[in-house]
Amino acid sequence: TDRVQNARGRAEKLADVRESIRHT
């Protein structure tokens, strides 16, 4: 599409994904 995920959602997702990488 002509957009990416809303910035707040991206921030929360990034925090979870980075933690997932570090721990699992």
PDBML (XML) file of the C-alpha atoms, coordinates in Angstrom:
<?xml version="1.0" encoding="UTF-8" ?>
<PDBx:datablock datablockName="MODEL"
   xmlns:PDBx="http://pdbml.pdb.org/schema/pdbx-v50.xsd"
   xmlns:xsi="http://www.w3.org/2001/XMLSchema-instance"
   xsi:schemaLocation="http://pdbml.pdb.org/schema/pdbx-v50.xsd pdbx-v50.xsd">
   <PDBx:atom_siteCategory>
      <PDBx:atom_site id="1">
         <PDBx:B_iso_or_equiv>0.00</PDBx:B_iso_or_equiv>
         <PDBx:Cartn_x>0.000</PDBx:Cartn_x>
         <PDBx:Cartn_y>0.000</PDBx:Cartn_y>
         <PDBx:Cartn_z>0.000</PDBx:Cartn_z>
         <PDBx:auth_asym_id>A</PDBx:auth_asym_id>
         <PDBx:auth_atom_id>CA</PDBx:auth_atom_id>
         <PDBx:auth_comp_id>THR</PDBx:auth_comp_id>
         <PDBx:auth_seq_id>1</PDBx:auth_seq_id>
         <PDBx:group_PDB>ATOM</PDBx:group_PDB>
         <PDBx:label_alt_id xsi:nil="true" />
         <PDBx:label_asym_id>A</PDBx:label_asym_id>
         <PDBx:label_atom_id>CA</PDBx:label_atom_id>
         <PDBx:label_comp_id>THR</PDBx:label_comp_id>
         <PDBx:label_entity_id>1</PDBx:label_entity_id>
         <PDBx:label_seq_id>1</PDBx:label_seq_id>
         <PDBx:occupancy>1.00</PDBx:occupancy>
         <PDBx:pdbx_PDB_model_num>1</PDBx:pdbx_PDB_model_num>
         <PDBx:type_symbol>C</PDBx:type_symbol>
      </PDBx:atom_site>
      <PDBx:atom_site id="2">
         <PDBx:B_iso_or_equiv>0.00</PDBx:B_iso_or_equiv>
         <PDBx:Cartn_x>0.918</PDBx:Cartn_x>
         <PDBx:Cartn_y>3.698</PDBx:Cartn_y>
         <PDBx:Cartn_z>0.088</PDBx:Cartn_z>
         <PDBx:auth_asym_id>A</PDBx:auth_asym_id>
         <PDBx:auth_atom_id>CA</PDBx:auth_atom_id>
         <PDBx:auth_comp_id>ASP</PDBx:auth_comp_id>
         <PDBx:auth_seq_id>2</PDBx:auth_seq_id>
         <PDBx:group_PDB>ATOM</PDBx:group_PDB>
         <PDBx:label_alt_id xsi:nil="true" />
         <PDBx:label_asym_id>A</PDBx:label_asym_id>
         <PDBx:label_atom_id>CA</PDBx:label_atom_id>
         <PDBx:label_comp_id>ASP</PDBx:label_comp_id>
         <PDBx:label_entity_id>1</PDBx:label_entity_id>
         <PDBx:label_seq_id>2</PDBx:label_seq_id>
         <PDBx:occupancy>1.00</PDBx:occupancy>
         <PDBx:pdbx_PDB_model_num>1</PDBx:pdbx_PDB_model_num>
         <PDBx:type_symbol>C</PDBx:type_symbol>
      </PDBx:atom_site>
      <PDBx:atom_site id="3">
         <PDBx:B_iso_or_equiv>0.00</PDBx:B_iso_or_equiv>
         <PDBx:Cartn_x>1.557</PDBx:Cartn_x>
         <PDBx:Cartn_y>3.573</PDBx:Cartn_y>
         <PDBx:Cartn_z>3.847</PDBx:Cartn_z>
         <PDBx:auth_asym_id>A</PDBx:auth_asym_id>
         <PDBx:auth_atom_id>CA</PDBx:auth_atom_id>
         <PDBx:auth_comp_id>ARG</PDBx:auth_comp_id>
         <PDBx:auth_seq_id>3</PDBx:auth_seq_id>
         <PDBx:group_PDB>ATOM</PDBx:group_PDB>
         <PDBx:label_alt_id xsi:nil="true" />
         <PDBx:label_asym_id>A</PDBx:label_asym_id>
         <PDBx:label_atom_id>CA</PDBx:label_atom_id>
         <PDBx:label_comp_id>ARG</PDBx:label_comp_id>
         <PDBx:label_entity_id>1</PDBx:label_entity_id>
         <PDBx:label_seq_id>3</PDBx:label_seq_id>
         <PDBx:occupancy>1.00</PDBx:occupancy>
         <PDBx:pdbx_PDB_model_num>1</PDBx:pdbx_PDB_model_num>
         <PDBx:type_symbol>C</PDBx:type_symbol>
      </PDBx:atom_site>
      <PDBx:atom_site id="4">
         <PDBx:B_iso_or_equiv>0.00</PDBx:B_iso_or_equiv>
         <PDBx:Cartn_x>3.420</PDBx:Cartn_x>
         <PDBx:Cartn_y>1.752</PDBx:Cartn_y>
         <PDBx:Cartn_z>6.571</PDBx:Cartn_z>
         <PDBx:auth_asym_id>A</PDBx:auth_asym_id>
         <PDBx:auth_atom_id>CA</PDBx:auth_atom_id>
         <PDBx:auth_comp_id>VAL</PDBx:auth_comp_id>
         <PDBx:auth_seq_id>4</PDBx:auth_seq_id>
         <PDBx:group_PDB>ATOM</PDBx:group_PDB>
         <PDBx:label_alt_id xsi:nil="true" />
         <PDBx:label_asym_id>A</PDBx:label_asym_id>
         <PDBx:label_atom_id>CA</PDBx:label_atom_id>
         <PDBx:label_comp_id>VAL</PDBx:label_comp_id>
         <PDBx:label_entity_id>1</PDBx:label_entity_id>
         <PDBx:label_seq_id>4</PDBx:label_seq_id>
         <PDBx:occupancy>1.00</PDBx:occupancy>
         <PDBx:pdbx_PDB_model_num>1</PDBx:pdbx_PDB_model_num>
         <PDBx:type_symbol>C</PDBx:type_symbol>
      </PDBx:atom_site>
      <PDBx:atom_site id="5">
         <PDBx:B_iso_or_equiv>0.00</PDBx:B_iso_or_equiv>
         <PDBx:Cartn_x>2.109</PDBx:Cartn_x>
         <PDBx:Cartn_y>0.784</PDBx:Cartn_y>
         <PDBx:Cartn_z>10.002</PDBx:Cartn_z>
         <PDBx:auth_asym_id>A</PDBx:auth_asym_id>
         <PDBx:auth_atom_id>CA</PDBx:auth_atom_id>
         <PDBx:auth_comp_id>GLN</PDBx:auth_comp_id>
         <PDBx:auth_seq_id>5</PDBx:auth_seq_id>
         <PDBx:group_PDB>ATOM</PDBx:group_PDB>
         <PDBx:label_alt_id xsi:nil="true" />
         <PDBx:label_asym_id>A</PDBx:label_asym_id>
         <PDBx:label_atom_id>CA</PDBx:label_atom_id>
         <PDBx:label_comp_id>GLN</PDBx:label_comp_id>
         <PDBx:label_entity_id>1</PDBx:label_entity_id>
         <PDBx:label_seq_id>5</PDBx:label_seq_id>
         <PDBx:occupancy>1.00</PDBx:occupancy>
         <PDBx:pdbx_PDB_model_num>1</PDBx:pdbx_PDB_model_num>
         <PDBx:type_symbol>C</PDBx:type_symbol>
      </PDBx:atom_site>
      <PDBx:atom_site id="6">
         <PDBx:B_iso_or_equiv>0.00</PDBx:B_iso_or_equiv>
         <PDBx:Cartn_x>1.318</PDBx:Cartn_x>
         <PDBx:Cartn_y>3.740</PDBx:Cartn_y>
         <PDBx:Cartn_z>12.259</PDBx:Cartn_z>
         <PDBx:auth_asym_id>A</PDBx:auth_asym_id>
         <PDBx:auth_atom_id>CA</PDBx:auth_atom_id>
         <PDBx:auth_comp_id>ASN</PDBx:auth_comp_id>
         <PDBx:auth_seq_id>6</PDBx:auth_seq_id>
         <PDBx:group_PDB>ATOM</PDBx:group_PDB>
         <PDBx:label_alt_id xsi:nil="true" />
         <PDBx:label_asym_id>A</PDBx:label_asym_id>
         <PDBx:label_atom_id>CA</PDBx:label_atom_id>
         <PDBx:label_comp_id>ASN</PDBx:label_comp_id>
         <PDBx:label_entity_id>1</PDBx:label_entity_id>
         <PDBx:label_seq_id>6</PDBx:label_seq_id>
         <PDBx:occupancy>1.00</PDBx:occupancy>
         <PDBx:pdbx_PDB_model_num>1</PDBx:pdbx_PDB_model_num>
         <PDBx:type_symbol>C</PDBx:type_symbol>
      </PDBx:atom_site>
      <PDBx:atom_site id="7">
         <PDBx:B_iso_or_equiv>0.00</PDBx:B_iso_or_equiv>
         <PDBx:Cartn_x>4.396</PDBx:Cartn_x>
         <PDBx:Cartn_y>4.959</PDBx:Cartn_y>
         <PDBx:Cartn_z>14.119</PDBx:Cartn_z>
         <PDBx:auth_asym_id>A</PDBx:auth_asym_id>
         <PDBx:auth_atom_id>CA</PDBx:auth_atom_id>
         <PDBx:auth_comp_id>ALA</PDBx:auth_comp_id>
         <PDBx:auth_seq_id>7</PDBx:auth_seq_id>
         <PDBx:group_PDB>ATOM</PDBx:group_PDB>
         <PDBx:label_alt_id xsi:nil="true" />
         <PDBx:label_asym_id>A</PDBx:label_asym_id>
         <PDBx:label_atom_id>CA</PDBx:label_atom_id>
         <PDBx:label_comp_id>ALA</PDBx:label_comp_id>
         <PDBx:label_entity_id>1</PDBx:label_entity_id>
         <PDBx:label_seq_id>7</PDBx:label_seq_id>
         <PDBx:occupancy>1.00</PDBx:occupancy>
         <PDBx:pdbx_PDB_model_num>1</PDBx:pdbx_PDB_model_num>
         <PDBx:type_symbol>C</PDBx:type_symbol>
      </PDBx:atom_site>
      <PDBx:atom_site id="8">
         <PDBx:B_iso_or_equiv>0.00</PDBx:B_iso_or_equiv>
         <PDBx:Cartn_x>3.151</PDBx:Cartn_x>
         <PDBx:Cartn_y>4.073</PDBx:Cartn_y>
         <PDBx:Cartn_z>17.598</PDBx:Cartn_z>
         <PDBx:auth_asym_id>A</PDBx:auth_asym_id>
         <PDBx:auth_atom_id>CA</PDBx:auth_atom_id>
         <PDBx:auth_comp_id>ARG</PDBx:auth_comp_id>
         <PDBx:auth_seq_id>8</PDBx:auth_seq_id>
         <PDBx:group_PDB>ATOM</PDBx:group_PDB>
         <PDBx:label_alt_id xsi:nil="true" />
         <PDBx:label_asym_id>A</PDBx:label_asym_id>
         <PDBx:label_atom_id>CA</PDBx:label_atom_id>
         <PDBx:label_comp_id>ARG</PDBx:label_comp_id>
         <PDBx:label_entity_id>1</PDBx:label_entity_id>
         <PDBx:label_seq_id>8</PDBx:label_seq_id>
         <PDBx:occupancy>1.00</PDBx:occupancy>
         <PDBx:pdbx_PDB_model_num>1</PDBx:pdbx_PDB_model_num>
         <PDBx:type_symbol>C</PDBx:type_symbol>
      </PDBx:atom_site>
      <PDBx:atom_site id="9">
         <PDBx:B_iso_or_equiv>0.00</PDBx:B_iso_or_equiv>
         <PDBx:Cartn_x>2.406</PDBx:Cartn_x>
         <PDBx:Cartn_y>0.531</PDBx:Cartn_y>
         <PDBx:Cartn_z>16.457</PDBx:Cartn_z>
         <PDBx:auth_asym_id>A</PDBx:auth_asym_id>
         <PDBx:auth_atom_id>CA</PDBx:auth_atom_id>
         <PDBx:auth_comp_id>GLY</PDBx:auth_comp_id>
         <PDBx:auth_seq_id>9</PDBx:auth_seq_id>
         <PDBx:group_PDB>ATOM</PDBx:group_PDB>
         <PDBx:label_alt_id xsi:nil="true" />
         <PDBx:label_asym_id>A</PDBx:label_asym_id>
         <PDBx:label_atom_id>CA</PDBx:label_atom_id>
         <PDBx:label_comp_id>GLY</PDBx:label_comp_id>
         <PDBx:label_entity_id>1</PDBx:label_entity_id>
         <PDBx:label_seq_id>9</PDBx:label_seq_id>
         <PDBx:occupancy>1.00</PDBx:occupancy>
         <PDBx:pdbx_PDB_model_num>1</PDBx:pdbx_PDB_model_num>
         <PDBx:type_symbol>C</PDBx:type_symbol>
      </PDBx:atom_site>
      <PDBx:atom_site id="10">
         <PDBx:B_iso_or_equiv>0.00</PDBx:B_iso_or_equiv>
         <PDBx:Cartn_x>5.818</PDBx:Cartn_x>
         <PDBx:Cartn_y>0.293</PDBx:Cartn_y>
         <PDBx:Cartn_z>14.798</PDBx:Cartn_z>
         <PDBx:auth_asym_id>A</PDBx:auth_asym_id>
         <PDBx:auth_atom_id>CA</PDBx:auth_atom_id>
         <PDBx:auth_comp_id>ARG</PDBx:auth_comp_id>
         <PDBx:auth_seq_id>10</PDBx:auth_seq_id>
         <PDBx:group_PDB>ATOM</PDBx:group_PDB>
         <PDBx:label_alt_id xsi:nil="true" />
         <PDBx:label_asym_id>A</PDBx:label_asym_id>
         <PDBx:label_atom_id>CA</PDBx:label_atom_id>
         <PDBx:label_comp_id>ARG</PDBx:label_comp_id>
         <PDBx:label_entity_id>1</PDBx:label_entity_id>
         <PDBx:label_seq_id>10</PDBx:label_seq_id>
         <PDBx:occupancy>1.00</PDBx:occupancy>
         <PDBx:pdbx_PDB_model_num>1</PDBx:pdbx_PDB_model_num>
         <PDBx:type_symbol>C</PDBx:type_symbol>
      </PDBx:atom_site>
      <PDBx:atom_site id="11">
         <PDBx:B_iso_or_equiv>0.00</PDBx:B_iso_or_equiv>
         <PDBx:Cartn_x>7.510</PDBx:Cartn_x>
         <PDBx:Cartn_y>1.417</PDBx:Cartn_y>
         <PDBx:Cartn_z>18.023</PDBx:Cartn_z>
         <PDBx:auth_asym_id>A</PDBx:auth_asym_id>
         <PDBx:auth_atom_id>CA</PDBx:auth_atom_id>
         <PDBx:auth_comp_id>ALA</PDBx:auth_comp_id>
         <PDBx:auth_seq_id>11</PDBx:auth_seq_id>
         <PDBx:group_PDB>ATOM</PDBx:group_PDB>
         <PDBx:label_alt_id xsi:nil="true" />
         <PDBx:label_asym_id>A</PDBx:label_asym_id>
         <PDBx:label_atom_id>CA</PDBx:label_atom_id>
         <PDBx:label_comp_id>ALA</PDBx:label_comp_id>
         <PDBx:label_entity_id>1</PDBx:label_entity_id>
         <PDBx:label_seq_id>11</PDBx:label_seq_id>
         <PDBx:occupancy>1.00</PDBx:occupancy>
         <PDBx:pdbx_PDB_model_num>1</PDBx:pdbx_PDB_model_num>
         <PDBx:type_symbol>C</PDBx:type_symbol>
      </PDBx:atom_site>
      <PDBx:atom_site id="12">
         <PDBx:B_iso_or_equiv>0.00</PDBx:B_iso_or_equiv>
         <PDBx:Cartn_x>5.717</PDBx:Cartn_x>
         <PDBx:Cartn_y>-1.149</PDBx:Cartn_y>
         <PDBx:Cartn_z>20.164</PDBx:Cartn_z>
         <PDBx:auth_asym_id>A</PDBx:auth_asym_id>
         <PDBx:auth_atom_id>CA</PDBx:auth_atom_id>
         <PDBx:auth_comp_id>GLU</PDBx:auth_comp_id>
         <PDBx:auth_seq_id>12</PDBx:auth_seq_id>
         <PDBx:group_PDB>ATOM</PDBx:group_PDB>
         <PDBx:label_alt_id xsi:nil="true" />
         <PDBx:label_asym_id>A</PDBx:label_asym_id>
         <PDBx:label_atom_id>CA</PDBx:label_atom_id>
         <PDBx:label_comp_id>GLU</PDBx:label_comp_id>
         <PDBx:label_entity_id>1</PDBx:label_entity_id>
         <PDBx:label_seq_id>12</PDBx:label_seq_id>
         <PDBx:occupancy>1.00</PDBx:occupancy>
         <PDBx:pdbx_PDB_model_num>1</PDBx:pdbx_PDB_model_num>
         <PDBx:type_symbol>C</PDBx:type_symbol>
      </PDBx:atom_site>
      <PDBx:atom_site id="13">
         <PDBx:B_iso_or_equiv>0.00</PDBx:B_iso_or_equiv>
         <PDBx:Cartn_x>6.300</PDBx:Cartn_x>
         <PDBx:Cartn_y>-3.910</PDBx:Cartn_y>
         <PDBx:Cartn_z>17.639</PDBx:Cartn_z>
         <PDBx:auth_asym_id>A</PDBx:auth_asym_id>
         <PDBx:auth_atom_id>CA</PDBx:auth_atom_id>
         <PDBx:auth_comp_id>LYS</PDBx:auth_comp_id>
         <PDBx:auth_seq_id>13</PDBx:auth_seq_id>
         <PDBx:group_PDB>ATOM</PDBx:group_PDB>
         <PDBx:label_alt_id xsi:nil="true" />
         <PDBx:label_asym_id>A</PDBx:label_asym_id>
         <PDBx:label_atom_id>CA</PDBx:label_atom_id>
         <PDBx:label_comp_id>LYS</PDBx:label_comp_id>
         <PDBx:label_entity_id>1</PDBx:label_entity_id>
         <PDBx:label_seq_id>13</PDBx:label_seq_id>
         <PDBx:occupancy>1.00</PDBx:occupancy>
         <PDBx:pdbx_PDB_model_num>1</PDBx:pdbx_PDB_model_num>
         <PDBx:type_symbol>C</PDBx:type_symbol>
      </PDBx:atom_site>
      <PDBx:atom_site id="14">
         <PDBx:B_iso_or_equiv>0.00</PDBx:B_iso_or_equiv>
         <PDBx:Cartn_x>9.982</PDBx:Cartn_x>
         <PDBx:Cartn_y>-3.046</PDBx:Cartn_y>
         <PDBx:Cartn_z>17.333</PDBx:Cartn_z>
         <PDBx:auth_asym_id>A</PDBx:auth_asym_id>
         <PDBx:auth_atom_id>CA</PDBx:auth_atom_id>
         <PDBx:auth_comp_id>LEU</PDBx:auth_comp_id>
         <PDBx:auth_seq_id>14</PDBx:auth_seq_id>
         <PDBx:group_PDB>ATOM</PDBx:group_PDB>
         <PDBx:label_alt_id xsi:nil="true" />
         <PDBx:label_asym_id>A</PDBx:label_asym_id>
         <PDBx:label_atom_id>CA</PDBx:label_atom_id>
         <PDBx:label_comp_id>LEU</PDBx:label_comp_id>
         <PDBx:label_entity_id>1</PDBx:label_entity_id>
         <PDBx:label_seq_id>14</PDBx:label_seq_id>
         <PDBx:occupancy>1.00</PDBx:occupancy>
         <PDBx:pdbx_PDB_model_num>1</PDBx:pdbx_PDB_model_num>
         <PDBx:type_symbol>C</PDBx:type_symbol>
      </PDBx:atom_site>
      <PDBx:atom_site id="15">
         <PDBx:B_iso_or_equiv>0.00</PDBx:B_iso_or_equiv>
         <PDBx:Cartn_x>10.396</PDBx:Cartn_x>
         <PDBx:Cartn_y>-3.221</PDBx:Cartn_y>
         <PDBx:Cartn_z>21.110</PDBx:Cartn_z>
         <PDBx:auth_asym_id>A</PDBx:auth_asym_id>
         <PDBx:auth_atom_id>CA</PDBx:auth_atom_id>
         <PDBx:auth_comp_id>ALA</PDBx:auth_comp_id>
         <PDBx:auth_seq_id>15</PDBx:auth_seq_id>
         <PDBx:group_PDB>ATOM</PDBx:group_PDB>
         <PDBx:label_alt_id xsi:nil="true" />
         <PDBx:label_asym_id>A</PDBx:label_asym_id>
         <PDBx:label_atom_id>CA</PDBx:label_atom_id>
         <PDBx:label_comp_id>ALA</PDBx:label_comp_id>
         <PDBx:label_entity_id>1</PDBx:label_entity_id>
         <PDBx:label_seq_id>15</PDBx:label_seq_id>
         <PDBx:occupancy>1.00</PDBx:occupancy>
         <PDBx:pdbx_PDB_model_num>1</PDBx:pdbx_PDB_model_num>
         <PDBx:type_symbol>C</PDBx:type_symbol>
      </PDBx:atom_site>
      <PDBx:atom_site id="16">
         <PDBx:B_iso_or_equiv>0.00</PDBx:B_iso_or_equiv>
         <PDBx:Cartn_x>8.828</PDBx:Cartn_x>
         <PDBx:Cartn_y>-6.693</PDBx:Cartn_y>
         <PDBx:Cartn_z>21.184</PDBx:Cartn_z>
         <PDBx:auth_asym_id>A</PDBx:auth_asym_id>
         <PDBx:auth_atom_id>CA</PDBx:auth_atom_id>
         <PDBx:auth_comp_id>ASP</PDBx:auth_comp_id>
         <PDBx:auth_seq_id>16</PDBx:auth_seq_id>
         <PDBx:group_PDB>ATOM</PDBx:group_PDB>
         <PDBx:label_alt_id xsi:nil="true" />
         <PDBx:label_asym_id>A</PDBx:label_asym_id>
         <PDBx:label_atom_id>CA</PDBx:label_atom_id>
         <PDBx:label_comp_id>ASP</PDBx:label_comp_id>
         <PDBx:label_entity_id>1</PDBx:label_entity_id>
         <PDBx:label_seq_id>16</PDBx:label_seq_id>
         <PDBx:occupancy>1.00</PDBx:occupancy>
         <PDBx:pdbx_PDB_model_num>1</PDBx:pdbx_PDB_model_num>
         <PDBx:type_symbol>C</PDBx:type_symbol>
      </PDBx:atom_site>
      <PDBx:atom_site id="17">
         <PDBx:B_iso_or_equiv>0.00</PDBx:B_iso_or_equiv>
         <PDBx:Cartn_x>10.747</PDBx:Cartn_x>
         <PDBx:Cartn_y>-7.957</PDBx:Cartn_y>
         <PDBx:Cartn_z>18.149</PDBx:Cartn_z>
         <PDBx:auth_asym_id>A</PDBx:auth_asym_id>
         <PDBx:auth_atom_id>CA</PDBx:auth_atom_id>
         <PDBx:auth_comp_id>VAL</PDBx:auth_comp_id>
         <PDBx:auth_seq_id>17</PDBx:auth_seq_id>
         <PDBx:group_PDB>ATOM</PDBx:group_PDB>
         <PDBx:label_alt_id xsi:nil="true" />
         <PDBx:label_asym_id>A</PDBx:label_asym_id>
         <PDBx:label_atom_id>CA</PDBx:label_atom_id>
         <PDBx:label_comp_id>VAL</PDBx:label_comp_id>
         <PDBx:label_entity_id>1</PDBx:label_entity_id>
         <PDBx:label_seq_id>17</PDBx:label_seq_id>
         <PDBx:occupancy>1.00</PDBx:occupancy>
         <PDBx:pdbx_PDB_model_num>1</PDBx:pdbx_PDB_model_num>
         <PDBx:type_symbol>C</PDBx:type_symbol>
      </PDBx:atom_site>
      <PDBx:atom_site id="18">
         <PDBx:B_iso_or_equiv>0.00</PDBx:B_iso_or_equiv>
         <PDBx:Cartn_x>14.108</PDBx:Cartn_x>
         <PDBx:Cartn_y>-6.734</PDBx:Cartn_y>
         <PDBx:Cartn_z>19.501</PDBx:Cartn_z>
         <PDBx:auth_asym_id>A</PDBx:auth_asym_id>
         <PDBx:auth_atom_id>CA</PDBx:auth_atom_id>
         <PDBx:auth_comp_id>ARG</PDBx:auth_comp_id>
         <PDBx:auth_seq_id>18</PDBx:auth_seq_id>
         <PDBx:group_PDB>ATOM</PDBx:group_PDB>
         <PDBx:label_alt_id xsi:nil="true" />
         <PDBx:label_asym_id>A</PDBx:label_asym_id>
         <PDBx:label_atom_id>CA</PDBx:label_atom_id>
         <PDBx:label_comp_id>ARG</PDBx:label_comp_id>
         <PDBx:label_entity_id>1</PDBx:label_entity_id>
         <PDBx:label_seq_id>18</PDBx:label_seq_id>
         <PDBx:occupancy>1.00</PDBx:occupancy>
         <PDBx:pdbx_PDB_model_num>1</PDBx:pdbx_PDB_model_num>
         <PDBx:type_symbol>C</PDBx:type_symbol>
      </PDBx:atom_site>
      <PDBx:atom_site id="19">
         <PDBx:B_iso_or_equiv>0.00</PDBx:B_iso_or_equiv>
         <PDBx:Cartn_x>13.413</PDBx:Cartn_x>
         <PDBx:Cartn_y>-8.465</PDBx:Cartn_y>
         <PDBx:Cartn_z>22.806</PDBx:Cartn_z>
         <PDBx:auth_asym_id>A</PDBx:auth_asym_id>
         <PDBx:auth_atom_id>CA</PDBx:auth_atom_id>
         <PDBx:auth_comp_id>GLU</PDBx:auth_comp_id>
         <PDBx:auth_seq_id>19</PDBx:auth_seq_id>
         <PDBx:group_PDB>ATOM</PDBx:group_PDB>
         <PDBx:label_alt_id xsi:nil="true" />
         <PDBx:label_asym_id>A</PDBx:label_asym_id>
         <PDBx:label_atom_id>CA</PDBx:label_atom_id>
         <PDBx:label_comp_id>GLU</PDBx:label_comp_id>
         <PDBx:label_entity_id>1</PDBx:label_entity_id>
         <PDBx:label_seq_id>19</PDBx:label_seq_id>
         <PDBx:occupancy>1.00</PDBx:occupancy>
         <PDBx:pdbx_PDB_model_num>1</PDBx:pdbx_PDB_model_num>
         <PDBx:type_symbol>C</PDBx:type_symbol>
      </PDBx:atom_site>
      <PDBx:atom_site id="20">
         <PDBx:B_iso_or_equiv>0.00</PDBx:B_iso_or_equiv>
         <PDBx:Cartn_x>12.404</PDBx:Cartn_x>
         <PDBx:Cartn_y>-11.640</PDBx:Cartn_y>
         <PDBx:Cartn_z>20.951</PDBx:Cartn_z>
         <PDBx:auth_asym_id>A</PDBx:auth_asym_id>
         <PDBx:auth_atom_id>CA</PDBx:auth_atom_id>
         <PDBx:auth_comp_id>SER</PDBx:auth_comp_id>
         <PDBx:auth_seq_id>20</PDBx:auth_seq_id>
         <PDBx:group_PDB>ATOM</PDBx:group_PDB>
         <PDBx:label_alt_id xsi:nil="true" />
         <PDBx:label_asym_id>A</PDBx:label_asym_id>
         <PDBx:label_atom_id>CA</PDBx:label_atom_id>
         <PDBx:label_comp_id>SER</PDBx:label_comp_id>
         <PDBx:label_entity_id>1</PDBx:label_entity_id>
         <PDBx:label_seq_id>20</PDBx:label_seq_id>
         <PDBx:occupancy>1.00</PDBx:occupancy>
         <PDBx:pdbx_PDB_model_num>1</PDBx:pdbx_PDB_model_num>
         <PDBx:type_symbol>C</PDBx:type_symbol>
      </PDBx:atom_site>
      <PDBx:atom_site id="21">
         <PDBx:B_iso_or_equiv>0.00</PDBx:B_iso_or_equiv>
         <PDBx:Cartn_x>15.698</PDBx:Cartn_x>
         <PDBx:Cartn_y>-11.594</PDBx:Cartn_y>
         <PDBx:Cartn_z>19.038</PDBx:Cartn_z>
         <PDBx:auth_asym_id>A</PDBx:auth_asym_id>
         <PDBx:auth_atom_id>CA</PDBx:auth_atom_id>
         <PDBx:auth_comp_id>ILE</PDBx:auth_comp_id>
         <PDBx:auth_seq_id>21</PDBx:auth_seq_id>
         <PDBx:group_PDB>ATOM</PDBx:group_PDB>
         <PDBx:label_alt_id xsi:nil="true" />
         <PDBx:label_asym_id>A</PDBx:label_asym_id>
         <PDBx:label_atom_id>CA</PDBx:label_atom_id>
         <PDBx:label_comp_id>ILE</PDBx:label_comp_id>
         <PDBx:label_entity_id>1</PDBx:label_entity_id>
         <PDBx:label_seq_id>21</PDBx:label_seq_id>
         <PDBx:occupancy>1.00</PDBx:occupancy>
         <PDBx:pdbx_PDB_model_num>1</PDBx:pdbx_PDB_model_num>
         <PDBx:type_symbol>C</PDBx:type_symbol>
      </PDBx:atom_site>
      <PDBx:atom_site id="22">
         <PDBx:B_iso_or_equiv>0.00</PDBx:B_iso_or_equiv>
         <PDBx:Cartn_x>17.749</PDBx:Cartn_x>
         <PDBx:Cartn_y>-11.157</PDBx:Cartn_y>
         <PDBx:Cartn_z>22.194</PDBx:Cartn_z>
         <PDBx:auth_asym_id>A</PDBx:auth_asym_id>
         <PDBx:auth_atom_id>CA</PDBx:auth_atom_id>
         <PDBx:auth_comp_id>ARG</PDBx:auth_comp_id>
         <PDBx:auth_seq_id>22</PDBx:auth_seq_id>
         <PDBx:group_PDB>ATOM</PDBx:group_PDB>
         <PDBx:label_alt_id xsi:nil="true" />
         <PDBx:label_asym_id>A</PDBx:label_asym_id>
         <PDBx:label_atom_id>CA</PDBx:label_atom_id>
         <PDBx:label_comp_id>ARG</PDBx:label_comp_id>
         <PDBx:label_entity_id>1</PDBx:label_entity_id>
         <PDBx:label_seq_id>22</PDBx:label_seq_id>
         <PDBx:occupancy>1.00</PDBx:occupancy>
         <PDBx:pdbx_PDB_model_num>1</PDBx:pdbx_PDB_model_num>
         <PDBx:type_symbol>C</PDBx:type_symbol>
      </PDBx:atom_site>
      <PDBx:atom_site id="23">
         <PDBx:B_iso_or_equiv>0.00</PDBx:B_iso_or_equiv>
         <PDBx:Cartn_x>15.991</PDBx:Cartn_x>
         <PDBx:Cartn_y>-13.848</PDBx:Cartn_y>
         <PDBx:Cartn_z>24.226</PDBx:Cartn_z>
         <PDBx:auth_asym_id>A</PDBx:auth_asym_id>
         <PDBx:auth_atom_id>CA</PDBx:auth_atom_id>
         <PDBx:auth_comp_id>HIS</PDBx:auth_comp_id>
         <PDBx:auth_seq_id>23</PDBx:auth_seq_id>
         <PDBx:group_PDB>ATOM</PDBx:group_PDB>
         <PDBx:label_alt_id xsi:nil="true" />
         <PDBx:label_asym_id>A</PDBx:label_asym_id>
         <PDBx:label_atom_id>CA</PDBx:label_atom_id>
         <PDBx:label_comp_id>HIS</PDBx:label_comp_id>
         <PDBx:label_entity_id>1</PDBx:label_entity_id>
         <PDBx:label_seq_id>23</PDBx:label_seq_id>
         <PDBx:occupancy>1.00</PDBx:occupancy>
         <PDBx:pdbx_PDB_model_num>1</PDBx:pdbx_PDB_model_num>
         <PDBx:type_symbol>C</PDBx:type_symbol>
      </PDBx:atom_site>
      <PDBx:atom_site id="24">
         <PDBx:B_iso_or_equiv>0.00</PDBx:B_iso_or_equiv>
         <PDBx:Cartn_x>14.901</PDBx:Cartn_x>
         <PDBx:Cartn_y>-16.511</PDBx:Cartn_y>
         <PDBx:Cartn_z>21.716</PDBx:Cartn_z>
         <PDBx:auth_asym_id>A</PDBx:auth_asym_id>
         <PDBx:auth_atom_id>CA</PDBx:auth_atom_id>
         <PDBx:auth_comp_id>THR</PDBx:auth_comp_id>
         <PDBx:auth_seq_id>24</PDBx:auth_seq_id>
         <PDBx:group_PDB>ATOM</PDBx:group_PDB>
         <PDBx:label_alt_id xsi:nil="true" />
         <PDBx:label_asym_id>A</PDBx:label_asym_id>
         <PDBx:label_atom_id>CA</PDBx:label_atom_id>
         <PDBx:label_comp_id>THR</PDBx:label_comp_id>
         <PDBx:label_entity_id>1</PDBx:label_entity_id>
         <PDBx:label_seq_id>24</PDBx:label_seq_id>
         <PDBx:occupancy>1.00</PDBx:occupancy>
         <PDBx:pdbx_PDB_model_num>1</PDBx:pdbx_PDB_model_num>
         <PDBx:type_symbol>C</PDBx:type_symbol>
      </PDBx:atom_site>
   </PDBx:atom_siteCategory>
</PDBx:datablock>
